[in-house]
Amino acid sequence: MGFLDPKKLEDDAELPGSGVELDRLACPICRREAAPWEDRCPDCDVATVPPEQLEPTAVEAPGLAALAEGLDDEDDASR
């Protein structure tokens, strides 16, 4: 069994390309993640952008009336 040389481990950690992360891209319309070499979305045919540049999407929460509608159905089914 060989011994690990701490100096060698430090040298390996600094190799160029050891922490390279490819650029992430996404479609601004369908929000599909694209490969780094895809400059256009294959589905929408628009230019891809980094995910940080995507507009935030609004998520609407259901109203209390919509939530209350499902409660009556669940109570009847459990009896």
PDB file of N, CA and C in Angstrom:
ATOM      1  N   MET A   1       0.849  -1.167   0.000  1.00  0.00           N
ATOM      2  CA  MET A   1       0.000   0.000   0.000  1.00  0.00           C
ATOM      3  C   MET A   1       0.894   1.229   0.000  1.00  0.00           C
ATOM      4  N   GLY A   2       0.592   2.165  -0.919  1.00  0.00           N
ATOM      5  CA  GLY A   2       1.416   3.357  -1.043  1.00  0.00           C
ATOM      6  C   GLY A   2       0.952   4.460  -0.110  1.00  0.00           C
ATOM      7  N   PHE A   3       1.839   5.404   0.103  1.00  0.00           N
ATOM      8  CA  PHE A   3       1.511   6.545   0.955  1.00  0.00           C
ATOM      9  C   PHE A   3       1.082   7.717   0.083  1.00  0.00           C
ATOM     10  N   LEU A   4       0.164   8.507   0.571  1.00  0.00           N
ATOM     11  CA  LEU A   4      -0.275   9.698  -0.150  1.00  0.00           C
ATOM     12  C   LEU A   4       0.647  10.851   0.203  1.00  0.00           C
ATOM     13  N   ASP A   5       1.121  11.519  -0.807  1.00  0.00           N
ATOM     14  CA  ASP A   5       1.995  12.670  -0.621  1.00  0.00           C
ATOM     15  C   ASP A   5       1.124  13.932  -0.584  1.00  0.00           C
ATOM     16  N   PRO A   6       1.032  14.613   0.586  1.00  0.00           N
ATOM     17  CA  PRO A   6       0.184  15.812   0.684  1.00  0.00           C
ATOM     18  C   PRO A   6       0.557  16.888  -0.325  1.00  0.00           C
ATOM     19  N   LYS A   7       1.837  17.019  -0.647  1.00  0.00           N
ATOM     20  CA  LYS A   7       2.282  18.022  -1.617  1.00  0.00           C
ATOM     21  C   LYS A   7       1.708  17.705  -2.993  1.00  0.00           C
ATOM     22  N   LYS A   8       1.689  16.429  -3.366  1.00  0.00           N
ATOM     23  CA  LYS A   8       1.157  16.023  -4.664  1.00  0.00           C
ATOM     24  C   LYS A   8      -0.346  16.301  -4.726  1.00  0.00           C
ATOM     25  N   LEU A   9      -1.066  16.066  -3.630  1.00  0.00           N
ATOM     26  CA  LEU A   9      -2.501  16.332  -3.609  1.00  0.00           C
ATOM     27  C   LEU A   9      -2.781  17.819  -3.801  1.00  0.00           C
ATOM     28  N   GLU A  10      -1.972  18.687  -3.205  1.00  0.00           N
ATOM     29  CA  GLU A  10      -2.142  20.129  -3.375  1.00  0.00           C
ATOM     30  C   GLU A  10      -1.871  20.536  -4.810  1.00  0.00           C
ATOM     31  N   ASP A  11      -0.851  19.955  -5.427  1.00  0.00           N
ATOM     32  CA  ASP A  11      -0.517  20.289  -6.803  1.00  0.00           C
ATOM     33  C   ASP A  11      -1.637  19.887  -7.757  1.00  0.00           C
ATOM     34  N   ASP A  12      -2.262  18.717  -7.524  1.00  0.00           N
ATOM     35  CA  ASP A  12      -3.327  18.247  -8.403  1.00  0.00           C
ATOM     36  C   ASP A  12      -4.553  19.140  -8.319  1.00  0.00           C
ATOM     37  N   ALA A  13      -4.806  19.723  -7.189  1.00  0.00           N
ATOM     38  CA  ALA A  13      -5.986  20.560  -7.015  1.00  0.00           C
ATOM     39  C   ALA A  13      -5.906  21.843  -7.825  1.00  0.00           C
ATOM     40  N   GLU A  14      -4.713  22.247  -8.223  1.00  0.00           N
ATOM     41  CA  GLU A  14      -4.539  23.497  -8.951  1.00  0.00           C
ATOM     42  C   GLU A  14      -4.389  23.299 -10.454  1.00  0.00           C
ATOM     43  N   LEU A  15      -4.690  22.108 -10.964  1.00  0.00           N
ATOM     44  CA  LEU A  15      -4.557  21.865 -12.388  1.00  0.00           C
ATOM     45  C   LEU A  15      -5.560  22.710 -13.160  1.00  0.00           C
ATOM     46  N   PRO A  16      -5.150  23.256 -14.293  1.00  0.00           N
ATOM     47  CA  PRO A  16      -6.101  24.028 -15.090  1.00  0.00           C
ATOM     48  C   PRO A  16      -7.197  23.108 -15.614  1.00  0.00           C
ATOM     49  N   GLY A  17      -8.406  23.586 -15.554  1.00  0.00           N
ATOM     50  CA  GLY A  17      -9.522  22.794 -16.037  1.00  0.00           C
ATOM     51  C   GLY A  17     -10.132  21.883 -14.993  1.00  0.00           C
ATOM     52  N   SER A  18      -9.562  21.872 -13.797  1.00  0.00           N
ATOM     53  CA  SER A  18     -10.096  20.965 -12.783  1.00  0.00           C
ATOM     54  C   SER A  18     -11.428  21.445 -12.235  1.00  0.00           C
ATOM     55  N   GLY A  19     -11.720  22.725 -12.319  1.00  0.00           N
ATOM     56  CA  GLY A  19     -12.982  23.248 -11.805  1.00  0.00           C
ATOM     57  C   GLY A  19     -13.817  23.899 -12.890  1.00  0.00           C
ATOM     58  N   VAL A  20     -13.585  23.525 -14.145  1.00  0.00           N
ATOM     59  CA  VAL A  20     -14.276  24.164 -15.254  1.00  0.00           C
ATOM     60  C   VAL A  20     -15.737  23.741 -15.258  1.00  0.00           C
ATOM     61  N   GLU A  21     -16.607  24.725 -15.315  1.00  0.00           N
ATOM     62  CA  GLU A  21     -18.033  24.455 -15.451  1.00  0.00           C
ATOM     63  C   GLU A  21     -18.487  25.107 -16.746  1.00  0.00           C
ATOM     64  N   LEU A  22     -19.147  24.328 -17.579  1.00  0.00           N
ATOM     65  CA  LEU A  22     -19.616  24.861 -18.847  1.00  0.00           C
ATOM     66  C   LEU A  22     -20.729  25.864 -18.613  1.00  0.00           C
ATOM     67  N   ASP A  23     -20.830  26.821 -19.507  1.00  0.00           N
ATOM     68  CA  ASP A  23     -21.884  27.825 -19.403  1.00  0.00           C
ATOM     69  C   ASP A  23     -23.248  27.156 -19.534  1.00  0.00           C
ATOM     70  N   ARG A  24     -24.159  27.533 -18.657  1.00  0.00           N
ATOM     71  CA  ARG A  24     -25.514  27.012 -18.717  1.00  0.00           C
ATOM     72  C   ARG A  24     -26.360  28.008 -19.493  1.00  0.00           C
ATOM     73  N   LEU A  25     -27.250  27.492 -20.340  1.00  0.00           N
ATOM     74  CA  LEU A  25     -28.129  28.335 -21.132  1.00  0.00           C
ATOM     75  C   LEU A  25     -29.550  27.798 -21.047  1.00  0.00           C
ATOM     76  N   ALA A  26     -30.511  28.674 -21.265  1.00  0.00           N
ATOM     77  CA  ALA A  26     -31.913  28.272 -21.252  1.00  0.00           C
ATOM     78  C   ALA A  26     -32.691  29.132 -22.238  1.00  0.00           C
ATOM     79  N   CYS A  27     -33.827  28.612 -22.651  1.00  0.00           N
ATOM     80  CA  CYS A  27     -34.708  29.339 -23.563  1.00  0.00           C
ATOM     81  C   CYS A  27     -35.555  30.327 -22.759  1.00  0.00           C
ATOM     82  N   PRO A  28     -35.630  31.587 -23.182  1.00  0.00           N
ATOM     83  CA  PRO A  28     -36.433  32.563 -22.439  1.00  0.00           C
ATOM     84  C   PRO A  28     -37.943  32.357 -22.614  1.00  0.00           C
ATOM     85  N   ILE A  29     -38.364  31.558 -23.582  1.00  0.00           N
ATOM     86  CA  ILE A  29     -39.791  31.337 -23.802  1.00  0.00           C
ATOM     87  C   ILE A  29     -40.275  30.072 -23.088  1.00  0.00           C
ATOM     88  N   CYS A  30     -39.703  28.915 -23.449  1.00  0.00           N
ATOM     89  CA  CYS A  30     -40.166  27.657 -22.855  1.00  0.00           C
ATOM     90  C   CYS A  30     -39.355  27.262 -21.618  1.00  0.00           C
ATOM     91  N   ARG A  31     -38.279  27.991 -21.339  1.00  0.00           N
ATOM     92  CA  ARG A  31     -37.425  27.785 -20.166  1.00  0.00           C
ATOM     93  C   ARG A  31     -36.702  26.444 -20.196  1.00  0.00           C
ATOM     94  N   ARG A  32     -36.619  25.807 -21.350  1.00  0.00           N
ATOM     95  CA  ARG A  32     -35.901  24.550 -21.517  1.00  0.00           C
ATOM     96  C   ARG A  32     -34.412  24.809 -21.371  1.00  0.00           C
ATOM     97  N   GLU A  33     -33.735  23.939 -20.616  1.00  0.00           N
ATOM     98  CA  GLU A  33     -32.289  24.097 -20.472  1.00  0.00           C
ATOM     99  C   GLU A  33     -31.630  23.631 -21.761  1.00  0.00           C
ATOM    100  N   ALA A  34     -30.700  24.425 -22.264  1.00  0.00           N
ATOM    101  CA  ALA A  34     -30.030  24.135 -23.523  1.00  0.00           C
ATOM    102  C   ALA A  34     -28.585  23.735 -23.262  1.00  0.00           C
ATOM    103  N   ALA A  35     -28.033  22.969 -24.178  1.00  0.00           N
ATOM    104  CA  ALA A  35     -26.624  22.595 -24.100  1.00  0.00           C
ATOM    105  C   ALA A  35     -25.773  23.842 -24.335  1.00  0.00           C
ATOM    106  N   PRO A  36     -24.553  23.864 -23.799  1.00  0.00           N
ATOM    107  CA  PRO A  36     -23.713  25.064 -23.934  1.00  0.00           C
ATOM    108  C   PRO A  36     -23.446  25.482 -25.380  1.00  0.00           C
ATOM    109  N   TRP A  37     -23.508  24.555 -26.322  1.00  0.00           N
ATOM    110  CA  TRP A  37     -23.220  24.897 -27.713  1.00  0.00           C
ATOM    111  C   TRP A  37     -24.489  25.273 -28.488  1.00  0.00           C
ATOM    112  N   GLU A  38     -25.657  25.158 -27.856  1.00  0.00           N
ATOM    113  CA  GLU A  38     -26.900  25.536 -28.531  1.00  0.00           C
ATOM    114  C   GLU A  38     -27.152  27.026 -28.336  1.00  0.00           C
ATOM    115  N   ASP A  39     -26.991  27.800 -29.412  1.00  0.00           N
ATOM    116  CA  ASP A  39     -27.219  29.234 -29.298  1.00  0.00           C
ATOM    117  C   ASP A  39     -28.674  29.593 -29.571  1.00  0.00           C
ATOM    118  N   ARG A  40     -29.467  28.611 -30.053  1.00  0.00           N
ATOM    119  CA  ARG A  40     -30.890  28.814 -30.275  1.00  0.00           C
ATOM    120  C   ARG A  40     -31.645  27.609 -29.730  1.00  0.00           C
ATOM    121  N   CYS A  41     -32.829  27.862 -29.192  1.00  0.00           N
ATOM    122  CA  CYS A  41     -33.679  26.787 -28.669  1.00  0.00           C
ATOM    123  C   CYS A  41     -34.194  25.960 -29.849  1.00  0.00           C
ATOM    124  N   PRO A  42     -34.038  24.629 -29.812  1.00  0.00           N
ATOM    125  CA  PRO A  42     -34.525  23.817 -30.929  1.00  0.00           C
ATOM    126  C   PRO A  42     -36.055  23.799 -31.022  1.00  0.00           C
ATOM    127  N   ASP A  43     -36.754  24.075 -29.930  1.00  0.00           N
ATOM    128  CA  ASP A  43     -38.217  24.064 -29.938  1.00  0.00           C
ATOM    129  C   ASP A  43     -38.800  25.406 -30.367  1.00  0.00           C
ATOM    130  N   CYS A  44     -38.266  26.498 -29.830  1.00  0.00           N
ATOM    131  CA  CYS A  44     -38.842  27.835 -30.051  1.00  0.00           C
ATOM    132  C   CYS A  44     -38.092  28.656 -31.100  1.00  0.00           C
ATOM    133  N   ASP A  45     -36.885  28.264 -31.432  1.00  0.00           N
ATOM    134  CA  ASP A  45     -36.025  28.966 -32.394  1.00  0.00           C
ATOM    135  C   ASP A  45     -35.756  30.415 -31.972  1.00  0.00           C
ATOM    136  N   VAL A  46     -35.497  30.628 -30.681  1.00  0.00           N
ATOM    137  CA  VAL A  46     -35.074  31.931 -30.175  1.00  0.00           C
ATOM    138  C   VAL A  46     -33.703  31.770 -29.521  1.00  0.00           C
ATOM    139  N   ALA A  47     -32.996  32.872 -29.377  1.00  0.00           N
ATOM    140  CA  ALA A  47     -31.652  32.834 -28.803  1.00  0.00           C
ATOM    141  C   ALA A  47     -31.718  32.414 -27.330  1.00  0.00           C
ATOM    142  N   THR A  48     -30.813  31.521 -26.933  1.00  0.00           N
ATOM    143  CA  THR A  48     -30.745  31.087 -25.539  1.00  0.00           C
ATOM    144  C   THR A  48     -29.966  32.109 -24.720  1.00  0.00           C
ATOM    145  N   VAL A  49     -30.262  32.155 -23.425  1.00  0.00           N
ATOM    146  CA  VAL A  49     -29.625  33.116 -22.520  1.00  0.00           C
ATOM    147  C   VAL A  49     -29.201  32.378 -21.248  1.00  0.00           C
ATOM    148  N   PRO A  50     -28.301  32.955 -20.466  1.00  0.00           N
ATOM    149  CA  PRO A  50     -27.972  32.349 -19.173  1.00  0.00           C
ATOM    150  C   PRO A  50     -29.216  32.348 -18.279  1.00  0.00           C
ATOM    151  N   PRO A  51     -29.385  31.313 -17.437  1.00  0.00           N
ATOM    152  CA  PRO A  51     -30.578  31.240 -16.577  1.00  0.00           C
ATOM    153  C   PRO A  51     -30.767  32.455 -15.682  1.00  0.00           C
ATOM    154  N   GLU A  52     -29.689  33.144 -15.335  1.00  0.00           N
ATOM    155  CA  GLU A  52     -29.792  34.325 -14.479  1.00  0.00           C
ATOM    156  C   GLU A  52     -30.546  35.454 -15.177  1.00  0.00           C
ATOM    157  N   GLN A  53     -30.576  35.438 -16.521  1.00  0.00           N
ATOM    158  CA  GLN A  53     -31.241  36.497 -17.282  1.00  0.00           C
ATOM    159  C   GLN A  53     -32.715  36.203 -17.558  1.00  0.00           C
ATOM    160  N   LEU A  54     -33.206  35.032 -17.151  1.00  0.00           N
ATOM    161  CA  LEU A  54     -34.606  34.701 -17.369  1.00  0.00           C
ATOM    162  C   LEU A  54     -35.486  35.535 -16.458  1.00  0.00           C
ATOM    163  N   GLU A  55     -36.626  35.954 -16.980  1.00  0.00           N
ATOM    164  CA  GLU A  55     -37.585  36.701 -16.188  1.00  0.00           C
ATOM    165  C   GLU A  55     -38.211  35.745 -15.169  1.00  0.00           C
ATOM    166  N   PRO A  56     -38.426  36.194 -13.952  1.00  0.00           N
ATOM    167  CA  PRO A  56     -39.085  35.316 -12.978  1.00  0.00           C
ATOM    168  C   PRO A  56     -40.531  35.058 -13.397  1.00  0.00           C
ATOM    169  N   THR A  57     -40.991  33.848 -13.105  1.00  0.00           N
ATOM    170  CA  THR A  57     -42.364  33.510 -13.456  1.00  0.00           C
ATOM    171  C   THR A  57     -43.262  33.722 -12.249  1.00  0.00           C
ATOM    172  N   ALA A  58     -44.462  34.162 -12.513  1.00  0.00           N
ATOM    173  CA  ALA A  58     -45.433  34.380 -11.441  1.00  0.00           C
ATOM    174  C   ALA A  58     -46.208  33.088 -11.218  1.00  0.00           C
ATOM    175  N   VAL A  59     -46.309  32.687  -9.988  1.00  0.00           N
ATOM    176  CA  VAL A  59     -47.071  31.500  -9.634  1.00  0.00           C
ATOM    177  C   VAL A  59     -48.270  31.956  -8.825  1.00  0.00           C
ATOM    178  N   GLU A  60     -49.438  31.643  -9.336  1.00  0.00           N
ATOM    179  CA  GLU A  60     -50.654  32.068  -8.647  1.00  0.00           C
ATOM    180  C   GLU A  60     -51.100  30.965  -7.697  1.00  0.00           C
ATOM    181  N   ALA A  61     -51.347  31.336  -6.482  1.00  0.00           N
ATOM    182  CA  ALA A  61     -51.851  30.393  -5.498  1.00  0.00           C
ATOM    183  C   ALA A  61     -53.369  30.298  -5.645  1.00  0.00           C
ATOM    184  N   PRO A  62     -53.913  29.101  -5.439  1.00  0.00           N
ATOM    185  CA  PRO A  62     -55.362  28.981  -5.546  1.00  0.00           C
ATOM    186  C   PRO A  62     -56.041  29.762  -4.427  1.00  0.00           C
ATOM    187  N   GLY A  63     -57.206  30.285  -4.710  1.00  0.00           N
ATOM    188  CA  GLY A  63     -57.950  31.035  -3.708  1.00  0.00           C
ATOM    189  C   GLY A  63     -58.549  30.108  -2.664  1.00  0.00           C
ATOM    190  N   LEU A  64     -59.028  30.672  -1.582  1.00  0.00           N
ATOM    191  CA  LEU A  64     -59.622  29.870  -0.515  1.00  0.00           C
ATOM    192  C   LEU A  64     -60.855  29.116  -0.995  1.00  0.00           C
ATOM    193  N   ALA A  65     -61.631  29.703  -1.897  1.00  0.00           N
ATOM    194  CA  ALA A  65     -62.833  29.032  -2.397  1.00  0.00           C
ATOM    195  C   ALA A  65     -62.450  27.754  -3.146  1.00  0.00           C
ATOM    196  N   ALA A  66     -61.382  27.823  -3.937  1.00  0.00           N
ATOM    197  CA  ALA A  66     -60.937  26.639  -4.679  1.00  0.00           C
ATOM    198  C   ALA A  66     -60.439  25.559  -3.727  1.00  0.00           C
ATOM    199  N   LEU A  67     -59.794  25.954  -2.657  1.00  0.00           N
ATOM    200  CA  LEU A  67     -59.324  24.977  -1.678  1.00  0.00           C
ATOM    201  C   LEU A  67     -60.489  24.344  -0.924  1.00  0.00           C
ATOM    202  N   ALA A  68     -61.495  25.137  -0.593  1.00  0.00           N
ATOM    203  CA  ALA A  68     -62.645  24.634   0.154  1.00  0.00           C
ATOM    204  C   ALA A  68     -63.486  23.676  -0.685  1.00  0.00           C
ATOM    205  N   GLU A  69     -63.513  23.839  -2.004  1.00  0.00           N
ATOM    206  CA  GLU A  69     -64.289  22.958  -2.879  1.00  0.00           C
ATOM    207  C   GLU A  69     -63.813  21.514  -2.761  1.00  0.00           C
ATOM    208  N   GLY A  70     -62.526  21.309  -2.684  1.00  0.00           N
ATOM    209  CA  GLY A  70     -61.980  19.955  -2.616  1.00  0.00           C
ATOM    210  C   GLY A  70     -62.206  19.294  -1.264  1.00  0.00           C
ATOM    211  N   LEU A  71     -62.417  20.078  -0.214  1.00  0.00           N
ATOM    212  CA  LEU A  71     -62.589  19.493   1.123  1.00  0.00           C
ATOM    213  C   LEU A  71     -63.873  18.696   1.233  1.00  0.00           C
ATOM    214  N   ASP A  72     -64.957  19.200   0.660  1.00  0.00           N
ATOM    215  CA  ASP A  72     -66.228  18.489   0.748  1.00  0.00           C
ATOM    216  C   ASP A  72     -66.154  17.138   0.043  1.00  0.00           C
ATOM    217  N   ASP A  73     -65.516  17.084  -1.095  1.00  0.00           N
ATOM    218  CA  ASP A  73     -65.392  15.837  -1.849  1.00  0.00           C
ATOM    219  C   ASP A  73     -64.565  14.806  -1.084  1.00  0.00           C
ATOM    220  N   GLU A  74     -63.495  15.231  -0.457  1.00  0.00           N
ATOM    221  CA  GLU A  74     -62.631  14.314   0.294  1.00  0.00           C
ATOM    222  C   GLU A  74     -63.349  13.759   1.514  1.00  0.00           C
ATOM    223  N   ASP A  75     -64.158  14.581   2.205  1.00  0.00           N
ATOM    224  CA  ASP A  75     -64.887  14.111   3.385  1.00  0.00           C
ATOM    225  C   ASP A  75     -65.905  13.049   2.996  1.00  0.00           C
ATOM    226  N   ASP A  76     -66.599  13.235   1.869  1.00  0.00           N
ATOM    227  CA  ASP A  76     -67.599  12.258   1.435  1.00  0.00           C
ATOM    228  C   ASP A  76     -66.944  10.939   1.030  1.00  0.00           C
ATOM    229  N   ALA A  77     -65.785  10.997   0.402  1.00  0.00           N
ATOM    230  CA  ALA A  77     -65.108   9.782  -0.071  1.00  0.00           C
ATOM    231  C   ALA A  77     -64.549   8.966   1.082  1.00  0.00           C
ATOM    232  N   SER A  78     -64.214   9.596   2.197  1.00  0.00           N
ATOM    233  CA  SER A  78     -63.607   8.873   3.310  1.00  0.00           C
ATOM    234  C   SER A  78     -64.647   8.173   4.193  1.00  0.00           C
ATOM    235  N   ARG A  79     -65.915   8.456   3.976  1.00  0.00           N
ATOM    236  CA  ARG A  79     -66.976   7.829   4.792  1.00  0.00           C
ATOM    237  C   ARG A  79     -67.446   6.542   4.224  1.00  0.00           C
TER     238      ARG A  79
END
